Amino acid sequence: MQLAMIGLGRMGGNMTERLLKGGHKVVVYDRSPDAVKKSTAQGATGASDLAAVVSQLTTPRIIWIMVPAGQPVDDTITTLLPHLSKGDVIIDGGNSNFHDTMRRGKDLQPHGIDFIDAGTSGGVWGLENGYCLMIGASDPAFTLCEPIFKTLAPDNGYAHVGPTGSGHYVKMIHNGVEYGMLQAYAEGYEILHASKTFQLDLHQIAAVWNRGSVVRSWLNELAEQAFTHDANLDQLKGYVDDSGEGRWTVQEAIDLDVPAPVITLSLLTRLRSRQPDSFGAKVIAALRNEFGGHAVKHT
C-alpha cells in the first residue's frame, strides 16, 4: 500500500527501506536532502516539503512521522493539517509522551483525521529483524494500516493495545523496564571487571550466559558483541543519556502510587554518569572528614 514517511533518521530511514522491500510505495521527506536521496535511490518517491508529501498521496492518506518528541511533532502536524482531508491517518512512531498523544488525537478528531501512536522498538537492528510495534488506534484506523504493521514487524511482533495514547504508554513502560535491565547488566559486569581475585574475560562470560542461562537475552547478546569489539570498553566514556521515557515512567509510578525502585534508581544512575565529579559526593567526603576525621582525597 502507499504511505509517507516523514523523518529519515536512524529509525525512519531503515523503516522506509523495510517497507520498500515489503512492496509498499513510500513518499519520503526529511530536512536533509541527502537522507531523501538515499531513500529515493532505494525506490522511494522524494518530496521537497510537507505539502508535496500530501499531494503525492492518494486518499485515504497515511503519513508516518518519525521526528523527535515534543514540539517537532506538533509543528509537523500543524503544517500537514491544512492539506489533509477527512479519513486520512497520521501515525506517530516516535517516543512521544502519551499525554501529548492523547491531546493530539483529540485535536484531530473534529477534522475527521485518525491519529495512531505506534511505540516502536528494535533500534538499528529493526531493518533486518523487524520492529516491535505497540499500537494505539481506533479499530478502523488500525485495520486500514495493519498491512504496514505486518511488514515492519516480525511474526507476532505487533499488537493493537488500545485507543490512541495506549501505544506510547506501553512503549514508555517498556523503556522503563529497559532502564532497569541495562542497569542490572551494567552492575554485574562492573563487579566482574573489578574483581581482584580473578582476571575474568567478560566476552567469554557474556557468551556463556547467552547459552541456556536464565539471564540470557538480546541485550546480553549485544553485550557479548560489544566485548568482542572492545574487551574492557576502553574506547567509551561512561556518559549515559536518556530520551525521556524513563523519567515519564517514574512519574507515572509516582502518580499511581506504584513502587518502582529499580527503574527509579536506574534513571538516577544515568544522571550520575553525566557528572565528571559529583558535588554530592564531595559533600559526603567533607562531612565524613569533619565528624570522623576520615581521610579525603584532594584535587
Protein backbone atom coordinates (compact mmCIF):
# COMPACT_ATOMS: atom_id res chain seq x y z
CA MET A 1 0.00 0.00 0.00
CA GLN A 2 1.01 3.66 -0.19
CA LEU A 3 2.17 5.82 2.70
CA ALA A 4 4.54 8.65 3.53
CA MET A 5 7.49 8.64 5.92
CA ILE A 6 8.49 11.98 7.44
CA GLY A 7 11.86 11.83 9.19
CA LEU A 8 14.58 9.60 7.76
CA GLY A 9 16.99 9.30 10.65
CA ARG A 10 18.37 6.05 12.05
CA MET A 11 14.89 4.64 12.55
CA GLY A 12 12.84 6.31 9.83
CA GLY A 13 15.34 5.58 7.08
CA ASN A 14 15.59 1.90 7.95
CA MET A 15 11.83 1.58 8.33
CA THR A 16 11.39 3.09 4.89
CA GLU A 17 13.82 0.57 3.43
CA ARG A 18 11.96 -2.33 5.09
CA LEU A 19 8.63 -1.03 3.78
CA LEU A 20 10.02 -0.73 0.25
CA LYS A 21 11.38 -4.26 0.39
CA GLY A 22 7.91 -5.34 1.53
CA GLY A 23 6.34 -3.94 -1.62
CA HIS A 24 4.88 -0.71 -0.26
CA LYS A 25 5.08 2.62 -2.09
CA VAL A 26 6.64 5.26 0.14
CA VAL A 27 6.78 9.03 -0.27
CA VAL A 28 9.60 10.44 1.86
CA TYR A 29 10.60 13.77 3.33
CA ASP A 30 13.43 14.88 5.59
CA ARG A 31 15.11 18.21 6.23
CA SER A 32 18.31 16.57 4.97
CA PRO A 33 18.34 16.30 1.16
CA ASP A 34 20.98 13.56 1.47
CA ALA A 35 18.62 11.43 3.54
CA VAL A 36 15.90 11.85 0.91
CA LYS A 37 18.35 10.93 -1.86
CA LYS A 38 19.32 7.75 -0.01
CA SER A 39 15.69 6.63 0.24
CA THR A 40 14.85 7.59 -3.34
CA ALA A 41 17.82 5.52 -4.51
CA GLN A 42 16.13 2.56 -2.80
CA GLY A 43 12.87 3.18 -4.64
CA ALA A 44 11.02 5.78 -2.56
CA THR A 45 9.47 8.93 -4.02
CA GLY A 46 11.03 12.12 -2.68
CA ALA A 47 9.20 15.28 -1.65
CA SER A 48 10.58 18.79 -1.26
CA ASP A 49 8.26 19.79 1.61
CA LEU A 50 5.28 18.55 3.59
CA ALA A 51 2.73 19.95 1.15
CA ALA A 52 4.44 17.97 -1.61
CA VAL A 53 4.24 14.86 0.55
CA VAL A 54 0.47 15.13 0.82
CA SER A 55 -0.03 15.98 -2.86
CA GLN A 56 1.63 12.72 -3.90
CA LEU A 57 -0.60 10.50 -1.76
CA THR A 58 -3.97 9.05 -2.71
CA THR A 59 -6.81 9.10 -0.18
CA PRO A 60 -7.12 7.91 2.45
CA ARG A 61 -3.63 9.24 3.04
CA ILE A 62 -1.39 7.54 5.61
CA ILE A 63 1.52 9.60 6.94
CA TRP A 64 4.05 8.13 9.37
CA ILE A 65 6.01 10.67 11.45
CA MET A 66 9.45 9.78 12.83
CA VAL A 67 10.65 13.08 14.31
CA PRO A 68 11.83 13.97 17.84
CA ALA A 69 9.17 14.06 20.54
CA GLY A 70 7.60 17.32 21.63
CA GLN A 71 7.34 20.48 19.56
CA PRO A 72 8.66 18.90 16.32
CA VAL A 73 5.65 16.54 16.29
CA ASP A 74 3.20 19.40 16.89
CA ASP A 75 4.87 21.53 14.22
CA THR A 76 4.72 18.70 11.69
CA ILE A 77 1.03 18.06 12.36
CA THR A 78 0.23 21.78 12.16
CA THR A 79 1.95 22.05 8.78
CA LEU A 80 0.26 18.92 7.42
CA LEU A 81 -3.25 19.66 8.63
CA PRO A 82 -4.37 22.24 6.01
CA HIS A 83 -3.50 19.77 3.26
CA LEU A 84 -5.28 16.74 4.75
CA SER A 85 -8.90 15.64 4.49
CA LYS A 86 -11.39 13.52 6.37
CA GLY A 87 -10.38 9.87 6.57
CA ASP A 88 -6.62 10.50 6.46
CA VAL A 89 -4.37 8.95 9.11
CA ILE A 90 -1.29 10.26 10.89
CA ILE A 91 0.95 7.76 12.70
CA ASP A 92 3.47 8.93 15.30
CA GLY A 93 6.15 6.26 15.62
CA GLY A 94 8.46 8.29 17.85
CA ASN A 95 8.76 8.28 21.62
CA SER A 96 6.12 10.90 22.40
CA ASN A 97 4.65 11.39 25.86
CA PHE A 98 1.30 9.61 25.92
CA HIS A 99 -0.40 12.71 27.36
CA ASP A 100 0.67 14.66 24.26
CA THR A 101 -0.52 11.81 22.04
CA MET A 102 -3.98 11.79 23.61
CA ARG A 103 -4.21 15.56 23.18
CA ARG A 104 -3.19 15.38 19.54
CA GLY A 105 -5.68 12.63 18.85
CA LYS A 106 -8.47 14.66 20.42
CA ASP A 107 -7.49 17.79 18.49
CA LEU A 108 -7.57 15.91 15.17
CA GLN A 109 -10.97 14.31 15.75
CA PRO A 110 -13.03 17.34 14.60
CA HIS A 111 -11.11 17.25 11.31
CA GLY A 112 -12.01 13.59 10.77
CA ILE A 113 -8.34 12.57 10.90
CA ASP A 114 -7.30 9.46 12.82
CA PHE A 115 -4.18 9.66 14.98
CA ILE A 116 -2.29 6.43 15.65
CA ASP A 117 0.57 6.07 18.09
CA ALA A 118 2.97 3.25 17.29
CA GLY A 119 5.50 2.68 20.04
CA THR A 120 8.45 1.32 18.08
CA SER A 121 11.29 -0.81 19.44
CA GLY A 122 14.10 -2.51 17.58
CA GLY A 123 16.73 0.14 17.09
CA VAL A 124 19.16 -0.14 14.21
CA TRP A 125 18.54 -3.90 14.09
CA GLY A 126 14.91 -3.42 13.11
CA LEU A 127 15.69 -3.27 9.39
CA GLU A 128 16.89 -6.87 9.45
CA ASN A 129 14.94 -8.34 12.36
CA GLY A 130 11.73 -6.30 12.30
CA TYR A 131 10.31 -3.78 14.75
CA CYS A 132 8.22 -4.49 17.81
CA LEU A 133 5.17 -2.25 17.48
CA MET A 134 2.83 -1.27 20.33
CA ILE A 135 -0.13 0.40 18.64
CA GLY A 136 -2.79 2.75 19.98
CA ALA A 137 -5.59 3.41 17.50
CA SER A 138 -9.27 3.23 16.72
CA ASP A 139 -10.35 -0.11 15.29
CA PRO A 140 -10.98 1.24 11.75
CA ALA A 141 -7.63 3.08 11.61
CA PHE A 142 -5.77 0.03 12.86
CA THR A 143 -7.42 -2.21 10.27
CA LEU A 144 -6.60 0.25 7.49
CA CYS A 145 -2.92 0.42 8.45
CA GLU A 146 -2.38 -3.20 9.51
CA PRO A 147 -0.57 -4.20 6.28
CA ILE A 148 2.07 -1.62 7.17
CA PHE A 149 2.49 -3.03 10.66
CA LYS A 150 2.76 -6.58 9.31
CA THR A 151 5.63 -5.55 7.05
CA LEU A 152 7.54 -3.63 9.70
CA ALA A 153 7.19 -6.21 12.48
CA PRO A 154 8.49 -9.77 12.77
CA ASP A 155 5.92 -12.57 13.12
CA ASN A 156 3.58 -11.74 16.03
CA GLY A 157 5.63 -8.60 16.65
CA TYR A 158 2.86 -6.02 16.70
CA ALA A 159 -0.22 -5.56 18.88
CA HIS A 160 -3.21 -3.23 18.95
CA VAL A 161 -3.04 -2.47 22.67
CA GLY A 162 -5.87 0.05 22.94
CA PRO A 163 -7.09 3.52 21.86
CA THR A 164 -4.94 6.47 20.88
CA GLY A 165 -2.29 7.07 23.55
CA SER A 166 -2.05 3.48 24.73
CA GLY A 167 0.72 2.57 22.31
CA HIS A 168 3.04 5.27 23.61
CA TYR A 169 2.02 4.42 27.17
CA VAL A 170 3.06 0.78 26.73
CA LYS A 171 6.29 1.86 24.99
CA MET A 172 7.04 4.23 27.87
CA ILE A 173 6.83 1.40 30.39
CA HIS A 174 8.79 -0.84 28.01
CA ASN A 175 11.63 1.68 28.08
CA GLY A 176 11.42 1.99 31.85
CA VAL A 177 11.88 -1.79 32.12
CA GLU A 178 14.80 -1.48 29.70
CA TYR A 179 16.45 1.04 32.04
CA GLY A 180 16.33 -1.46 34.89
CA MET A 181 17.64 -4.34 32.77
CA LEU A 182 20.52 -2.28 31.43
CA GLN A 183 21.47 -1.20 34.94
CA ALA A 184 21.44 -4.78 36.26
CA TYR A 185 23.75 -5.96 33.49
CA ALA A 186 25.97 -2.90 34.00
CA GLU A 187 26.39 -3.56 37.71
CA GLY A 188 27.05 -7.26 37.22
CA TYR A 189 29.73 -6.72 34.61
CA GLU A 190 31.30 -3.94 36.66
CA ILE A 191 31.70 -6.27 39.64
CA LEU A 192 33.25 -8.93 37.39
CA HIS A 193 35.57 -6.34 35.87
CA ALA A 194 36.62 -5.02 39.29
CA SER A 195 37.45 -8.44 40.78
CA LYS A 196 40.84 -8.52 42.50
CA THR A 197 40.69 -12.29 42.92
CA PHE A 198 40.22 -13.31 39.28
CA GLN A 199 41.19 -11.97 35.88
CA LEU A 200 37.91 -12.54 34.07
CA ASP A 201 37.13 -12.46 30.35
CA LEU A 202 33.88 -10.51 30.08
CA HIS A 203 33.29 -11.58 26.49
CA GLN A 204 33.60 -15.23 27.50
CA ILE A 205 31.19 -14.73 30.39
CA ALA A 206 28.66 -12.88 28.25
CA ALA A 207 28.86 -15.66 25.68
CA VAL A 208 28.25 -18.45 28.16
CA TRP A 209 25.42 -16.53 29.84
CA ASN A 210 23.70 -16.40 26.45
CA ARG A 211 23.61 -20.20 26.16
CA GLY A 212 20.98 -21.65 28.49
CA SER A 213 21.28 -19.16 31.37
CA VAL A 214 18.20 -17.62 32.94
CA VAL A 215 19.75 -14.17 32.36
CA ARG A 216 20.21 -14.70 28.62
CA SER A 217 18.60 -12.01 26.49
CA TRP A 218 19.06 -9.96 23.35
CA LEU A 219 20.58 -7.21 25.48
CA ASN A 220 23.18 -9.66 26.73
CA GLU A 221 23.83 -10.80 23.17
CA LEU A 222 24.64 -7.17 22.43
CA ALA A 223 26.94 -7.12 25.47
CA GLU A 224 28.74 -10.17 24.07
CA GLN A 225 29.13 -8.33 20.78
CA ALA A 226 30.33 -5.13 22.47
CA PHE A 227 33.02 -7.01 24.42
CA THR A 228 34.15 -8.58 21.13
CA HIS A 229 34.93 -5.12 19.75
CA ASP A 230 36.43 -3.66 22.95
CA ALA A 231 37.14 -6.15 25.74
CA ASN A 232 37.31 -3.53 28.50
CA LEU A 233 35.26 -0.81 26.79
CA ASP A 234 38.31 1.43 26.89
CA GLN A 235 37.11 3.41 23.88
CA LEU A 236 33.90 4.56 25.59
CA LYS A 237 33.11 7.24 28.13
CA GLY A 238 30.68 6.32 30.89
CA TYR A 239 28.21 9.06 29.92
CA VAL A 240 24.67 7.74 29.60
CA ASP A 241 21.93 9.92 28.11
CA ASP A 242 18.17 9.45 28.40
CA SER A 243 15.44 10.39 25.97
CA GLY A 244 12.59 10.94 28.42
CA GLU A 245 10.70 7.67 28.72
CA GLY A 246 12.44 6.63 31.94
CA ARG A 247 11.52 9.94 33.58
CA TRP A 248 7.94 9.61 32.39
CA THR A 249 7.74 6.05 33.70
CA VAL A 250 8.96 7.11 37.13
CA GLN A 251 6.46 9.99 37.19
CA GLU A 252 3.64 7.63 36.22
CA ALA A 253 4.67 5.24 39.01
CA ILE A 254 4.54 8.14 41.48
CA ASP A 255 1.15 9.27 40.17
CA LEU A 256 -0.24 5.74 40.54
CA ASP A 257 1.38 5.08 43.95
CA VAL A 258 3.24 2.12 42.45
CA PRO A 259 6.70 1.47 43.93
CA ALA A 260 9.29 1.23 41.16
CA PRO A 261 12.66 1.45 42.95
CA VAL A 262 14.72 -0.39 40.34
CA ILE A 263 13.57 1.78 37.42
CA THR A 264 13.87 4.94 39.53
CA LEU A 265 17.41 4.19 40.68
CA SER A 266 18.48 3.20 37.18
CA LEU A 267 17.33 6.62 35.97
CA LEU A 268 19.19 8.41 38.77
CA THR A 269 22.32 6.43 37.97
CA ARG A 270 22.19 7.75 34.43
CA LEU A 271 22.16 11.28 35.83
CA ARG A 272 25.22 10.49 37.94
CA SER A 273 27.06 9.25 34.85
CA ARG A 274 27.00 12.78 33.44
CA GLN A 275 28.90 14.31 36.34
CA PRO A 276 32.69 14.20 35.98
CA ASP A 277 32.92 14.74 39.74
CA SER A 278 29.78 14.65 41.86
CA PHE A 279 29.37 17.64 44.17
CA GLY A 280 27.15 15.48 46.37
CA ALA A 281 30.00 13.01 46.78
CA LYS A 282 32.27 15.89 47.73
CA VAL A 283 29.79 16.91 50.44
CA ILE A 284 29.72 13.38 51.84
CA ALA A 285 33.53 13.21 51.84
CA ALA A 286 33.75 16.57 53.58
CA LEU A 287 31.24 15.61 56.27
CA ARG A 288 32.95 12.27 56.96
CA ASN A 289 36.20 14.14 57.36
CA GLU A 290 34.61 16.70 59.69
CA PHE A 291 32.81 14.30 62.05
CA GLY A 292 35.20 11.38 61.98
CA GLY A 293 38.48 12.57 60.66
CA HIS A 294 38.16 10.14 57.77
CA ALA A 295 40.77 10.54 55.04
CA VAL A 296 39.84 12.52 51.93
CA LYS A 297 41.40 12.82 48.51
CA HIS A 298 42.28 16.28 47.23
CA THR A 299 42.31 17.53 43.65
